[in-house]
Amino acid sequence: KSDVLNDYEVCRYMQLENGLHADVYALEIIIPVAFRVNTYNTHLFRTWLVGKALSQEKRQTYVMFIQNGKAGYC
């Protein structure tokens, strides 16, 4: 369904500690997109996400995708 999420709710332009800026997206948009796009990186993310959802272990985890400037991600 379109227009369910607003741009200002799912994306934020932030300054990083090193002075550079980055667009940061909320999980509310990352997760559905990861299940619609079929790439190696989205496959890895989906596998990680399902593993975390089914895991009994409860701890805080952070995921960060950084574009390296050549249309690739780290």
C-alpha atoms as a PDB file:
ATOM      1  CA  LYS A   1       0.000   0.000   0.000  1.00  0.00           C
ATOM      2  CA  SER A   2       1.452   3.365  -0.940  1.00  0.00           C
ATOM      3  CA  ASP A   3       1.718   6.399   1.327  1.00  0.00           C
ATOM      4  CA  VAL A   4       1.551   4.321   4.509  1.00  0.00           C
ATOM      5  CA  LEU A   5       4.805   5.820   5.787  1.00  0.00           C
ATOM      6  CA  ASN A   6       5.839   9.460   5.456  1.00  0.00           C
ATOM      7  CA  ASP A   7       9.340  10.485   4.346  1.00  0.00           C
ATOM      8  CA  TYR A   8       9.958  12.431   7.543  1.00  0.00           C
ATOM      9  CA  GLU A   9       9.127   9.329   9.612  1.00  0.00           C
ATOM     10  CA  VAL A  10      11.413   6.844   7.872  1.00  0.00           C
ATOM     11  CA  CYS A  11      14.444   8.858   6.741  1.00  0.00           C
ATOM     12  CA  ARG A  12      16.747  11.197   8.593  1.00  0.00           C
ATOM     13  CA  TYR A  13      19.805  13.071   7.280  1.00  0.00           C
ATOM     14  CA  MET A  14      22.438  12.874  10.020  1.00  0.00           C
ATOM     15  CA  GLN A  15      25.944  14.150  10.557  1.00  0.00           C
ATOM     16  CA  LEU A  16      28.363  11.371  11.482  1.00  0.00           C
ATOM     17  CA  GLU A  17      31.168  11.670  14.024  1.00  0.00           C
ATOM     18  CA  ASN A  18      33.715  12.027  11.204  1.00  0.00           C
ATOM     19  CA  GLY A  19      31.888  15.100   9.855  1.00  0.00           C
ATOM     20  CA  LEU A  20      30.296  13.358   6.869  1.00  0.00           C
ATOM     21  CA  HIS A  21      26.536  13.164   6.411  1.00  0.00           C
ATOM     22  CA  ALA A  22      24.359  10.122   5.703  1.00  0.00           C
ATOM     23  CA  ASP A  23      20.726   9.250   5.099  1.00  0.00           C
ATOM     24  CA  VAL A  24      19.555   6.931   7.886  1.00  0.00           C
ATOM     25  CA  TYR A  25      16.414   4.864   7.324  1.00  0.00           C
ATOM     26  CA  ALA A  26      14.073   3.376   9.929  1.00  0.00           C
ATOM     27  CA  LEU A  27      13.647  -0.386  10.172  1.00  0.00           C
ATOM     28  CA  GLU A  28       9.979   0.170   9.243  1.00  0.00           C
ATOM     29  CA  ILE A  29      11.135   0.792   5.670  1.00  0.00           C
ATOM     30  CA  ILE A  30      14.325  -1.302   5.528  1.00  0.00           C
ATOM     31  CA  ILE A  31      12.634  -4.598   6.411  1.00  0.00           C
ATOM     32  CA  PRO A  32       9.869  -4.535   3.743  1.00  0.00           C
ATOM     33  CA  VAL A  33      12.329  -3.391   1.078  1.00  0.00           C
ATOM     34  CA  ALA A  34      14.726  -6.202   2.030  1.00  0.00           C
ATOM     35  CA  PHE A  35      11.981  -8.718   1.290  1.00  0.00           C
ATOM     36  CA  ARG A  36      11.153  -7.111  -2.087  1.00  0.00           C
ATOM     37  CA  VAL A  37      14.705  -6.767  -3.447  1.00  0.00           C
ATOM     38  CA  ASN A  38      16.635  -9.901  -4.371  1.00  0.00           C
ATOM     39  CA  THR A  39      20.361  -9.231  -3.974  1.00  0.00           C
ATOM     40  CA  TYR A  40      23.142 -10.969  -2.084  1.00  0.00           C
ATOM     41  CA  ASN A  41      23.180  -8.222   0.576  1.00  0.00           C
ATOM     42  CA  THR A  42      19.420  -8.355   1.115  1.00  0.00           C
ATOM     43  CA  HIS A  43      19.639 -12.148   1.372  1.00  0.00           C
ATOM     44  CA  LEU A  44      22.253 -11.772   4.118  1.00  0.00           C
ATOM     45  CA  PHE A  45      20.107  -9.196   5.901  1.00  0.00           C
ATOM     46  CA  ARG A  46      16.964 -11.360   5.681  1.00  0.00           C
ATOM     47  CA  THR A  47      18.875 -14.364   7.036  1.00  0.00           C
ATOM     48  CA  TRP A  48      20.263 -12.275   9.909  1.00  0.00           C
ATOM     49  CA  LEU A  49      16.847 -10.743  10.620  1.00  0.00           C
ATOM     50  CA  VAL A  50      15.005 -14.071  10.760  1.00  0.00           C
ATOM     51  CA  GLY A  51      17.769 -15.534  12.936  1.00  0.00           C
ATOM     52  CA  LYS A  52      17.439 -12.626  15.373  1.00  0.00           C
ATOM     53  CA  ALA A  53      13.651 -12.877  15.415  1.00  0.00           C
ATOM     54  CA  LEU A  54      13.801 -16.574  16.276  1.00  0.00           C
ATOM     55  CA  SER A  55      16.702 -16.284  18.715  1.00  0.00           C
ATOM     56  CA  GLN A  56      16.134 -16.871  22.410  1.00  0.00           C
ATOM     57  CA  GLU A  57      19.078 -14.605  23.257  1.00  0.00           C
ATOM     58  CA  LYS A  58      18.067 -11.027  24.051  1.00  0.00           C
ATOM     59  CA  ARG A  59      20.705  -8.359  23.542  1.00  0.00           C
ATOM     60  CA  GLN A  60      20.922  -5.082  21.695  1.00  0.00           C
ATOM     61  CA  THR A  61      22.428  -5.266  18.204  1.00  0.00           C
ATOM     62  CA  TYR A  62      23.237  -2.525  15.730  1.00  0.00           C
ATOM     63  CA  VAL A  63      23.368  -2.823  11.942  1.00  0.00           C
ATOM     64  CA  MET A  64      24.876  -0.127   9.762  1.00  0.00           C
ATOM     65  CA  PHE A  65      25.145  -0.128   5.979  1.00  0.00           C
ATOM     66  CA  ILE A  66      27.672   2.328   4.576  1.00  0.00           C
ATOM     67  CA  GLN A  67      27.817   3.160   0.895  1.00  0.00           C
ATOM     68  CA  ASN A  68      31.391   3.184  -0.327  1.00  0.00           C
ATOM     69  CA  GLY A  69      30.798   5.612  -3.201  1.00  0.00           C
ATOM     70  CA  LYS A  70      30.990   2.990  -5.973  1.00  0.00           C
ATOM     71  CA  ALA A  71      27.388   1.814  -5.597  1.00  0.00           C
ATOM     72  CA  GLY A  72      28.556  -0.876  -3.211  1.00  0.00           C
ATOM     73  CA  TYR A  73      27.908  -1.303   0.469  1.00  0.00           C
ATOM     74  CA  CYS A  74      30.043  -2.405   3.383  1.00  0.00           C
END
